[in-house]
């Protein structure tokens, strides 16, 4: 693009449309971003060759109808203004591919937006949009639709016509239900429907075979459909701040899943099938009603972060000690939480050692000590998981004391623990 075809008047504290712009009829790029312009001159219609127009961060409350004459326009940026509506003539911009309208006061789209069949991207976050026209379904080449932080109460069934859509962002609205037609969006990779009023998810969601990110947090969901197990490309599942009582066993089919955030629900248990999630790196189920964890959790070989605090856990499966990559665990505020500095008896010591091993709070070397120690403490009734590693019994006390010295070395605490095994 030649210099004469570009004009950048950004950040010049302009209060009105520059008088000399209208005569530059060869312009293809015009930026008036970050000024104080309150209205556009009808002369803008003379820029018939214009392809990209940036009006973001001004004080525009409306657009002139003449904007509909910019037939070559492919990109229109009007974010961060004070727009109350869009003129119907915007539907004439049939070559438009990108339309950015974030941070305005729009309450709807004109039906004529359905004429923009070449649109690839719409960003209209942070407006007051309360309804989408059914003509939105005409935008069959749309790839990204961002409508976060509006006042939508429903999504039209015609959304299912957007077969090229990859990103649908409808978070922080007032949506009560998703239409079943959403299952037609088989190219969708990101679905953001957080902070709405959803009470259920349609079973057709299982048809979104390309989905990688699913964010349903802060809704009113009591269950997830079994068909969620069909989303084999899913990487992130965020369902926290709902009313979920369980996770479907089919979740074990999501072999590419890396993150599950399901904290602040009403989960009573986790399905055994969770152990099939070999790619899982982060699992957060804090603030639920869990009383136990399935032993299959020990199969999550790639797990690095585990959040299980604020539940009703009385014990942890020893299989947690097998997770060599687990380096962060949140376990506080459960029914069983021993205090390091209150250890007084041999039994308390042994229970603490077991917990240290199970949650891997110690270093790798100390855990090696514990693995040997715990293998010989099978006579204690509450150690229900004997280890098969052989050990020289006469060295047991020495190993325990070595562990304790290593553990307390930094605090310089004197240790004198006496017990018989």
Protein backbone atom coordinates (compact mmCIF):
# COMPACT_ATOMS: atom_id res chain seq x y z
CA UNK A 1 0.00 0.00 0.00
CA UNK A 2 1.48 3.36 -1.07
CA UNK A 3 1.99 6.19 1.43
CA UNK A 4 -0.66 8.25 -0.33
CA UNK A 5 -3.16 5.49 0.34
CA UNK A 6 -2.63 5.59 4.12
CA UNK A 7 -3.56 8.29 6.61
CA UNK A 8 -2.97 7.95 10.35
CA UNK A 9 -4.47 10.67 12.56
CA UNK A 10 -4.38 8.61 15.75
CA UNK A 11 -3.88 10.23 19.17
CA UNK A 12 -4.00 13.86 18.03
CA UNK A 13 -6.75 15.09 20.33
CA UNK A 14 -9.01 15.78 17.36
CA UNK A 15 -12.53 16.87 18.25
CA UNK A 16 -14.05 16.66 14.78
CA UNK A 17 -13.58 14.89 11.49
CA UNK A 18 -10.58 16.44 9.68
CA UNK A 19 -11.67 18.63 6.77
CA UNK A 20 -8.95 17.43 4.42
CA UNK A 21 -9.79 13.75 4.69
CA UNK A 22 -12.80 13.78 2.38
CA UNK A 23 -10.78 14.96 -0.60
CA UNK A 24 -8.27 12.11 -0.37
CA UNK A 25 -10.39 9.76 -2.41
CA UNK A 26 -7.58 7.26 -3.01
CA UNK A 27 -7.28 6.38 0.68
CA UNK A 28 -7.36 2.70 1.54
CA UNK A 29 -6.42 3.00 5.21
CA UNK A 30 -7.66 5.64 7.64
CA UNK A 31 -7.07 5.68 11.39
CA UNK A 32 -8.66 8.25 13.67
CA UNK A 33 -8.16 6.12 16.77
CA UNK A 34 -7.81 7.62 20.24
CA UNK A 35 -9.16 11.11 19.63
CA UNK A 36 -12.17 13.04 20.93
CA UNK A 37 -14.32 12.97 17.81
CA UNK A 38 -18.05 13.16 18.56
CA UNK A 39 -19.41 12.73 15.00
CA UNK A 40 -18.35 11.72 11.51
CA UNK A 41 -18.89 13.97 8.52
CA UNK A 42 -21.08 12.66 5.69
CA UNK A 43 -18.05 13.38 3.52
CA UNK A 44 -16.67 10.06 4.62
CA UNK A 45 -18.75 8.56 1.82
CA UNK A 46 -16.26 10.04 -0.67
CA UNK A 47 -13.61 7.57 0.48
CA UNK A 48 -14.92 4.95 -1.92
CA UNK A 49 -11.61 3.05 -2.04
CA UNK A 50 -11.30 2.73 1.74
CA UNK A 51 -10.59 -0.80 2.93
CA UNK A 52 -9.73 -0.31 6.61
CA UNK A 53 -11.29 2.28 8.93
CA UNK A 54 -10.30 2.61 12.57
CA UNK A 55 -12.49 4.86 14.76
CA UNK A 56 -11.88 3.20 18.14
CA UNK A 57 -11.52 5.22 21.34
CA UNK A 58 -13.46 8.33 20.40
CA UNK A 59 -16.78 9.80 21.56
CA UNK A 60 -19.04 8.73 18.73
CA UNK A 61 -22.67 8.18 19.67
CA UNK A 62 -23.81 7.31 16.13
CA UNK A 63 -22.55 6.60 12.63
CA UNK A 64 -23.78 8.50 9.56
CA UNK A 65 -25.87 6.56 7.08
CA UNK A 66 -23.25 7.49 4.47
CA UNK A 67 -20.94 4.88 5.97
CA UNK A 68 -22.94 2.39 3.95
CA UNK A 69 -21.33 3.72 0.78
CA UNK A 70 -17.88 2.42 1.67
CA UNK A 71 -18.41 -0.67 -0.43
CA UNK A 72 -14.75 -1.73 -0.45
CA UNK A 73 -14.44 -1.70 3.33
CA UNK A 74 -13.10 -4.98 4.74
CA UNK A 75 -12.20 -3.94 8.30
CA UNK A 76 -14.16 -1.60 10.58
CA UNK A 77 -13.02 -0.85 14.14
CA UNK A 78 -15.38 1.25 16.31
CA UNK A 79 -14.63 -0.07 19.80
CA UNK A 80 -14.66 2.15 22.89
CA UNK A 81 -17.11 4.79 21.78
CA UNK A 82 -20.64 5.65 22.91
CA UNK A 83 -22.62 4.08 20.08
CA UNK A 84 -26.29 3.48 20.85
CA UNK A 85 -27.11 1.73 17.59
CA UNK A 86 -25.84 0.88 14.14
CA UNK A 87 -27.43 2.32 11.01
CA UNK A 88 -29.30 -0.12 8.80
CA UNK A 89 -27.04 0.96 5.96
CA UNK A 90 -24.19 -0.99 7.54
CA UNK A 91 -25.73 -3.94 5.77
CA UNK A 92 -24.39 -2.51 2.48
CA UNK A 93 -20.80 -3.28 3.46
CA UNK A 94 -20.91 -6.68 1.82
CA UNK A 95 -17.11 -7.01 1.63
CA UNK A 96 -16.63 -6.48 5.38
CA UNK A 97 -14.61 -9.23 7.06
CA UNK A 98 -13.83 -7.77 10.50
CA UNK A 99 -16.21 -5.75 12.67
CA UNK A 100 -15.13 -4.63 16.15
CA UNK A 101 -17.72 -2.95 18.38
CA UNK A 102 -16.48 -3.64 21.92
CA UNK A 103 -17.23 -1.20 24.74
CA UNK A 104 -20.21 0.70 23.41
CA UNK A 105 -23.88 1.02 24.41
CA UNK A 106 -25.45 -1.08 21.65
CA UNK A 107 -28.72 -2.81 22.55
CA UNK A 108 -29.06 -4.83 19.35
CA UNK A 109 -27.88 -5.45 15.81
CA UNK A 110 -29.97 -4.29 12.85
CA UNK A 111 -31.40 -7.20 10.83
CA UNK A 112 -29.37 -5.97 7.88
CA UNK A 113 -26.24 -7.33 9.53
CA UNK A 114 -27.29 -10.60 7.96
CA UNK A 115 -26.25 -9.16 4.59
CA UNK A 116 -22.58 -9.17 5.60
CA UNK A 117 -22.02 -12.68 4.33
CA UNK A 118 -18.23 -12.24 4.11
CA UNK A 119 -17.81 -11.45 7.79
CA UNK A 120 -15.15 -13.55 9.50
CA UNK A 121 -15.03 -11.88 12.91
CA UNK A 122 -17.43 -9.91 15.13
CA UNK A 123 -16.33 -8.51 18.47
CA UNK A 124 -19.13 -6.87 20.44
CA UNK A 125 -18.12 -7.51 24.05
CA UNK A 126 -19.18 -5.08 26.76
CA UNK A 127 -22.34 -3.66 25.26
CA UNK A 128 -26.02 -3.91 26.24
CA UNK A 129 -27.15 -6.28 23.51
CA UNK A 130 -30.31 -8.09 24.65
CA UNK A 131 -31.23 -9.93 21.47
CA UNK A 132 -29.63 -11.31 18.34
CA UNK A 133 -31.53 -11.10 15.05
CA UNK A 134 -32.28 -14.41 13.36
CA UNK A 135 -30.42 -13.03 10.36
CA UNK A 136 -27.20 -13.73 12.27
CA UNK A 137 -27.57 -17.21 10.84
CA UNK A 138 -26.78 -15.83 7.37
CA UNK A 139 -23.15 -15.21 8.31
CA UNK A 140 -22.07 -18.65 7.17
CA UNK A 141 -18.38 -17.71 6.87
CA UNK A 142 -18.12 -16.28 10.39
CA UNK A 143 -15.24 -17.80 12.36
CA UNK A 144 -15.24 -15.80 15.61
CA UNK A 145 -18.21 -14.31 17.46
CA UNK A 146 -17.52 -12.45 20.72
CA UNK A 147 -20.55 -11.31 22.73
CA UNK A 148 -19.25 -11.47 26.30
CA UNK A 149 -20.67 -9.07 28.88
CA UNK A 150 -24.00 -8.18 27.33
CA UNK A 151 -27.63 -8.75 28.33
CA UNK A 152 -28.58 -11.69 26.12
CA UNK A 153 -31.24 -14.02 27.49
CA UNK A 154 -31.21 -16.51 24.63
CA UNK A 155 -29.29 -17.57 21.55
CA UNK A 156 -31.33 -18.01 18.35
CA UNK A 157 -31.56 -21.46 16.80
CA UNK A 158 -30.08 -20.00 13.62
CA UNK A 159 -26.69 -20.01 15.34
CA UNK A 160 -26.46 -23.57 14.08
CA UNK A 161 -26.03 -22.24 10.53
CA UNK A 162 -22.59 -20.82 11.35
CA UNK A 163 -20.81 -23.99 10.30
CA UNK A 164 -17.39 -22.29 9.99
CA UNK A 165 -17.50 -20.87 13.53
CA UNK A 166 -14.44 -21.64 15.65
CA UNK A 167 -14.94 -19.33 18.64
CA UNK A 168 -18.26 -18.58 20.34
CA UNK A 169 -17.92 -16.29 23.36
CA UNK A 170 -21.22 -15.56 25.12
CA UNK A 171 -20.01 -15.31 28.71
CA UNK A 172 -21.46 -12.97 31.34
CA UNK A 173 -24.96 -12.70 29.91
CA UNK A 174 -28.38 -13.88 31.12
CA UNK A 175 -28.74 -16.97 28.96
CA UNK A 176 -30.99 -19.70 30.37
CA UNK A 177 -30.34 -22.41 27.77
CA UNK A 178 -28.24 -23.21 24.74
CA UNK A 179 -30.15 -24.29 21.61
CA UNK A 180 -29.72 -27.87 20.51
CA UNK A 181 -28.64 -26.54 17.12
CA UNK A 182 -25.31 -25.68 18.69
CA UNK A 183 -24.34 -29.25 17.90
CA UNK A 184 -24.01 -28.26 14.23
CA UNK A 185 -20.91 -26.17 14.96
CA UNK A 186 -18.50 -29.00 14.33
CA UNK A 187 -15.54 -26.67 13.68
CA UNK A 188 -15.96 -24.95 17.04
CA UNK A 189 -12.78 -25.06 19.11
CA UNK A 190 -13.68 -22.60 21.90
CA UNK A 191 -17.02 -22.25 23.67
CA UNK A 192 -17.18 -19.65 26.42
CA UNK A 193 -20.58 -19.64 28.14
CA UNK A 194 -19.49 -18.73 31.66
CA UNK A 195 -21.46 -16.52 34.07
CA UNK A 196 -24.91 -17.17 32.68
CA UNK A 197 -28.04 -18.84 34.05
CA UNK A 198 -27.67 -22.24 32.40
CA UNK A 199 -29.36 -25.10 34.25
CA UNK A 200 -28.50 -27.80 31.71
CA UNK A 201 -26.31 -28.43 28.69
CA UNK A 202 -27.95 -30.00 25.62
CA UNK A 203 -26.78 -33.50 24.74
CA UNK A 204 -25.91 -32.20 21.28
CA UNK A 205 -22.81 -30.63 22.77
CA UNK A 206 -21.23 -34.04 22.25
CA UNK A 207 -21.24 -33.32 18.51
CA UNK A 208 -18.66 -30.53 18.88
CA UNK A 209 -15.84 -32.88 17.98
CA UNK A 210 -13.27 -30.09 17.44
CA UNK A 211 -13.83 -28.44 20.82
CA UNK A 212 -10.69 -27.75 22.86
CA UNK A 213 -11.82 -25.21 25.46
CA UNK A 214 -15.16 -25.43 27.27
CA UNK A 215 -15.90 -22.81 29.91
CA UNK A 216 -19.21 -23.20 31.74
CA UNK A 217 -18.22 -21.77 35.11
CA UNK A 218 -20.60 -19.72 37.24
CA UNK A 219 -23.87 -21.12 35.98
CA UNK A 220 -26.56 -23.24 37.66
CA UNK A 221 -25.64 -26.65 36.29
CA UNK A 222 -26.48 -29.72 38.37
CA UNK A 223 -25.05 -32.22 35.91
CA UNK A 224 -23.09 -32.58 32.71
CA UNK A 225 -24.45 -34.71 29.84
CA UNK A 226 -22.89 -38.11 29.25
CA UNK A 227 -22.20 -37.06 25.66
CA UNK A 228 -19.40 -34.85 26.95
CA UNK A 229 -17.32 -37.99 26.63
CA UNK A 230 -17.41 -37.55 22.84
CA UNK A 231 -15.30 -34.36 23.03
CA UNK A 232 -12.07 -36.25 22.55
CA UNK A 233 -10.10 -33.12 21.56
CA UNK A 234 -11.06 -31.24 24.72
CA UNK A 235 -8.08 -29.76 26.57
CA UNK A 236 -9.65 -27.47 29.20
CA UNK A 237 -12.88 -28.07 31.12
CA UNK A 238 -13.89 -25.24 33.46
CA UNK A 239 -17.12 -25.96 35.35
CA UNK A 240 -16.46 -24.37 38.74
CA UNK A 241 -19.07 -22.36 40.65
CA UNK A 242 -22.03 -24.54 39.68
CA UNK A 243 -24.22 -27.08 41.50
CA UNK A 244 -22.68 -30.25 40.11
CA UNK A 245 -23.18 -33.33 42.29
CA UNK A 246 -21.06 -35.63 40.15
CA UNK A 247 -18.98 -35.85 37.00
CA UNK A 248 -20.12 -38.39 34.38
CA UNK A 249 -17.97 -41.54 34.07
CA UNK A 250 -17.66 -40.76 30.35
CA UNK A 251 -15.21 -38.02 31.31
CA UNK A 252 -12.61 -40.77 31.30
CA UNK A 253 -12.79 -40.81 27.48
CA UNK A 254 -11.26 -37.32 27.23
CA UNK A 255 -7.70 -38.47 26.74
CA UNK A 256 -6.47 -35.02 25.66
CA UNK A 257 -7.87 -33.26 28.72
CA UNK A 258 -5.22 -31.27 30.56
CA UNK A 259 -7.19 -29.09 32.99
CA UNK A 260 -10.31 -29.70 35.09
CA UNK A 261 -11.51 -26.91 37.34
CA UNK A 262 -14.60 -28.11 39.18
CA UNK A 263 -14.21 -26.35 42.51
CA UNK A 264 -17.10 -24.82 44.43
CA UNK A 265 -19.72 -27.37 43.45
CA UNK A 266 -21.53 -30.12 45.38
CA UNK A 267 -19.45 -33.10 44.26
CA UNK A 268 -19.83 -36.13 46.52
CA UNK A 269 -17.31 -38.28 44.69
CA UNK A 270 -15.13 -38.50 41.62
CA UNK A 271 -15.65 -41.29 39.05
CA UNK A 272 -13.05 -44.05 38.95
CA UNK A 273 -12.71 -43.34 35.24
CA UNK A 274 -10.87 -40.12 36.06
CA UNK A 275 -7.77 -42.29 36.24
CA UNK A 276 -7.92 -42.65 32.44
CA UNK A 277 -7.00 -38.98 31.92
CA UNK A 278 -3.32 -39.57 31.23
CA UNK A 279 -2.77 -36.02 29.91
CA UNK A 280 -4.28 -34.27 32.94
CA UNK A 281 -1.90 -31.78 34.57
CA UNK A 282 -4.24 -29.77 36.83
CA UNK A 283 -7.23 -31.00 38.82
CA UNK A 284 -9.00 -28.62 41.16
CA UNK A 285 -12.01 -29.90 43.11
CA UNK A 286 -11.72 -27.68 46.17
CA UNK A 287 -14.82 -26.56 48.06
CA UNK A 288 -16.94 -29.63 47.40
CA UNK A 289 -18.30 -32.45 49.58
CA UNK A 290 -15.82 -35.19 48.75
CA UNK A 291 -15.32 -37.78 51.47
CA UNK A 292 -12.79 -39.86 49.54
CA UNK A 293 -10.76 -39.98 46.37
CA UNK A 294 -10.69 -42.99 44.04
CA UNK A 295 -7.44 -44.91 44.11
CA UNK A 296 -7.36 -44.61 40.32
CA UNK A 297 -6.21 -41.03 40.80
CA UNK A 298 -2.78 -42.56 41.21
CA UNK A 299 -2.78 -43.28 37.46
CA UNK A 300 -2.64 -39.57 36.53
CA UNK A 301 1.03 -39.74 35.66
CA UNK A 302 1.23 -36.17 34.33
CA UNK A 303 -0.64 -34.52 37.21
CA UNK A 304 1.28 -31.52 38.56
CA UNK A 305 -1.32 -29.65 40.59
CA UNK A 306 -4.08 -31.08 42.77
CA UNK A 307 -6.59 -28.98 44.69
CA UNK A 308 -8.69 -30.92 47.21
CA UNK A 309 -8.92 -28.51 50.14
CA UNK A 310 -12.21 -27.63 51.84
CA UNK A 311 -13.84 -31.02 51.41
CA UNK A 312 -14.67 -33.79 53.92
CA UNK A 313 -11.70 -36.01 53.22
CA UNK A 314 -10.61 -38.18 56.14
CA UNK A 315 -7.77 -39.89 54.32
CA UNK A 316 -5.95 -39.98 51.01
CA UNK A 317 -5.27 -43.02 48.83
CA UNK A 318 -1.66 -44.09 49.09
CA UNK A 319 -1.55 -44.19 45.28
CA UNK A 320 -1.09 -40.43 45.35
CA UNK A 321 2.49 -41.16 46.37
CA UNK A 322 3.07 -42.69 42.93
CA UNK A 323 2.58 -39.36 41.14
CA UNK A 324 6.17 -38.34 40.59
CA UNK A 325 5.29 -35.10 38.75
CA UNK A 326 2.87 -33.84 41.40
CA UNK A 327 4.55 -30.78 42.90
CA UNK A 328 1.64 -28.77 44.28
CA UNK A 329 -1.24 -29.99 46.42
CA UNK A 330 -3.85 -28.03 48.35
CA UNK A 331 -5.22 -30.19 51.17
CA UNK A 332 -6.15 -27.83 54.00
CA UNK A 333 -9.60 -27.60 55.63
CA UNK A 334 -10.47 -31.28 55.51
CA UNK A 335 -11.39 -33.62 58.35
CA UNK A 336 -7.85 -34.97 58.53
CA UNK A 337 -5.09 -32.39 58.65
CA UNK A 338 -2.21 -33.20 61.07
CA UNK A 339 -0.04 -30.41 62.41
CA UNK A 340 3.70 -30.93 62.08
CA UNK A 341 4.48 -29.27 65.40
CA UNK A 342 1.96 -31.25 67.44
CA UNK A 343 3.47 -34.70 66.90
CA UNK A 344 3.85 -36.34 70.33
CA UNK A 345 3.46 -40.12 69.99
CA UNK A 346 4.72 -42.88 67.78
CA UNK A 347 1.25 -43.36 66.30
CA UNK A 348 0.97 -39.67 65.43
CA UNK A 349 4.42 -39.84 63.86
CA UNK A 350 3.51 -42.82 61.71
CA UNK A 351 0.25 -41.24 60.55
CA UNK A 352 2.14 -38.08 59.67
CA UNK A 353 4.80 -40.01 57.77
CA UNK A 354 2.07 -41.75 55.81
CA UNK A 355 0.43 -38.45 54.95
CA UNK A 356 3.78 -36.97 53.94
CA UNK A 357 4.30 -39.90 51.61
CA UNK A 358 0.79 -39.84 50.22
CA UNK A 359 0.73 -36.14 49.35
CA UNK A 360 4.43 -35.97 48.51
CA UNK A 361 5.13 -32.92 50.61
CA UNK A 362 8.67 -34.10 51.16
CA UNK A 363 11.58 -33.98 48.75
CA UNK A 364 12.31 -36.87 46.41
CA UNK A 365 15.04 -38.20 48.71
CA UNK A 366 12.81 -38.08 51.79
CA UNK A 367 10.03 -39.84 49.91
CA UNK A 368 12.47 -42.61 49.11
CA UNK A 369 13.02 -43.04 52.88
CA UNK A 370 9.30 -43.07 53.48
CA UNK A 371 8.64 -45.67 50.82
CA UNK A 372 10.90 -48.09 52.68
CA UNK A 373 9.57 -47.11 56.12
CA UNK A 374 5.90 -47.48 55.28
CA UNK A 375 6.48 -50.85 53.66
CA UNK A 376 7.33 -52.26 57.11
CA UNK A 377 4.57 -50.57 59.09
CA UNK A 378 1.87 -52.99 57.96
CA UNK A 379 1.19 -54.06 61.53
CA UNK A 380 -0.46 -50.71 62.23
CA UNK A 381 -4.18 -51.22 61.68
CA UNK A 382 -4.81 -47.98 59.83
CA UNK A 383 -2.09 -48.63 57.23
CA UNK A 384 -4.22 -50.60 54.81
CA UNK A 385 -1.81 -50.43 51.87
CA UNK A 386 1.31 -52.57 52.45
CA UNK A 387 4.30 -52.02 50.22
CA UNK A 388 6.28 -54.94 48.84
CA UNK A 389 9.74 -53.38 48.94
CA UNK A 390 12.17 -55.47 51.07
CA UNK A 391 14.09 -53.75 53.88
CA UNK A 392 16.51 -54.66 56.61
CA UNK A 393 14.34 -54.33 59.74
CA UNK A 394 17.27 -53.42 61.96
CA UNK A 395 17.85 -50.30 59.88
CA UNK A 396 14.25 -49.11 60.16
CA UNK A 397 14.75 -46.86 63.18
CA UNK A 398 17.87 -45.37 61.62
CA UNK A 399 15.98 -44.52 58.44
CA UNK A 400 13.14 -42.91 60.40
CA UNK A 401 15.53 -40.79 62.43
CA UNK A 402 17.45 -39.78 59.32
CA UNK A 403 14.21 -38.66 57.71
CA UNK A 404 13.26 -36.61 60.75
CA UNK A 405 16.65 -34.94 60.98
CA UNK A 406 16.45 -33.99 57.30
CA UNK A 407 12.90 -32.78 57.69
CA UNK A 408 13.53 -30.54 60.70
CA UNK A 409 17.07 -29.45 59.94
CA UNK A 410 16.14 -25.91 58.94
CA UNK A 411 14.00 -25.37 62.03
CA UNK A 412 16.79 -26.75 64.31
CA UNK A 413 14.31 -28.78 66.31
CA UNK A 414 15.65 -31.51 68.62
CA UNK A 415 13.97 -34.82 68.00
CA UNK A 416 13.68 -37.70 70.40
CA UNK A 417 11.05 -40.17 69.25
CA UNK A 418 10.87 -43.55 70.96
CA UNK A 419 8.67 -46.38 69.73
CA UNK A 420 8.67 -50.14 69.20
CA UNK A 421 7.88 -51.93 65.93
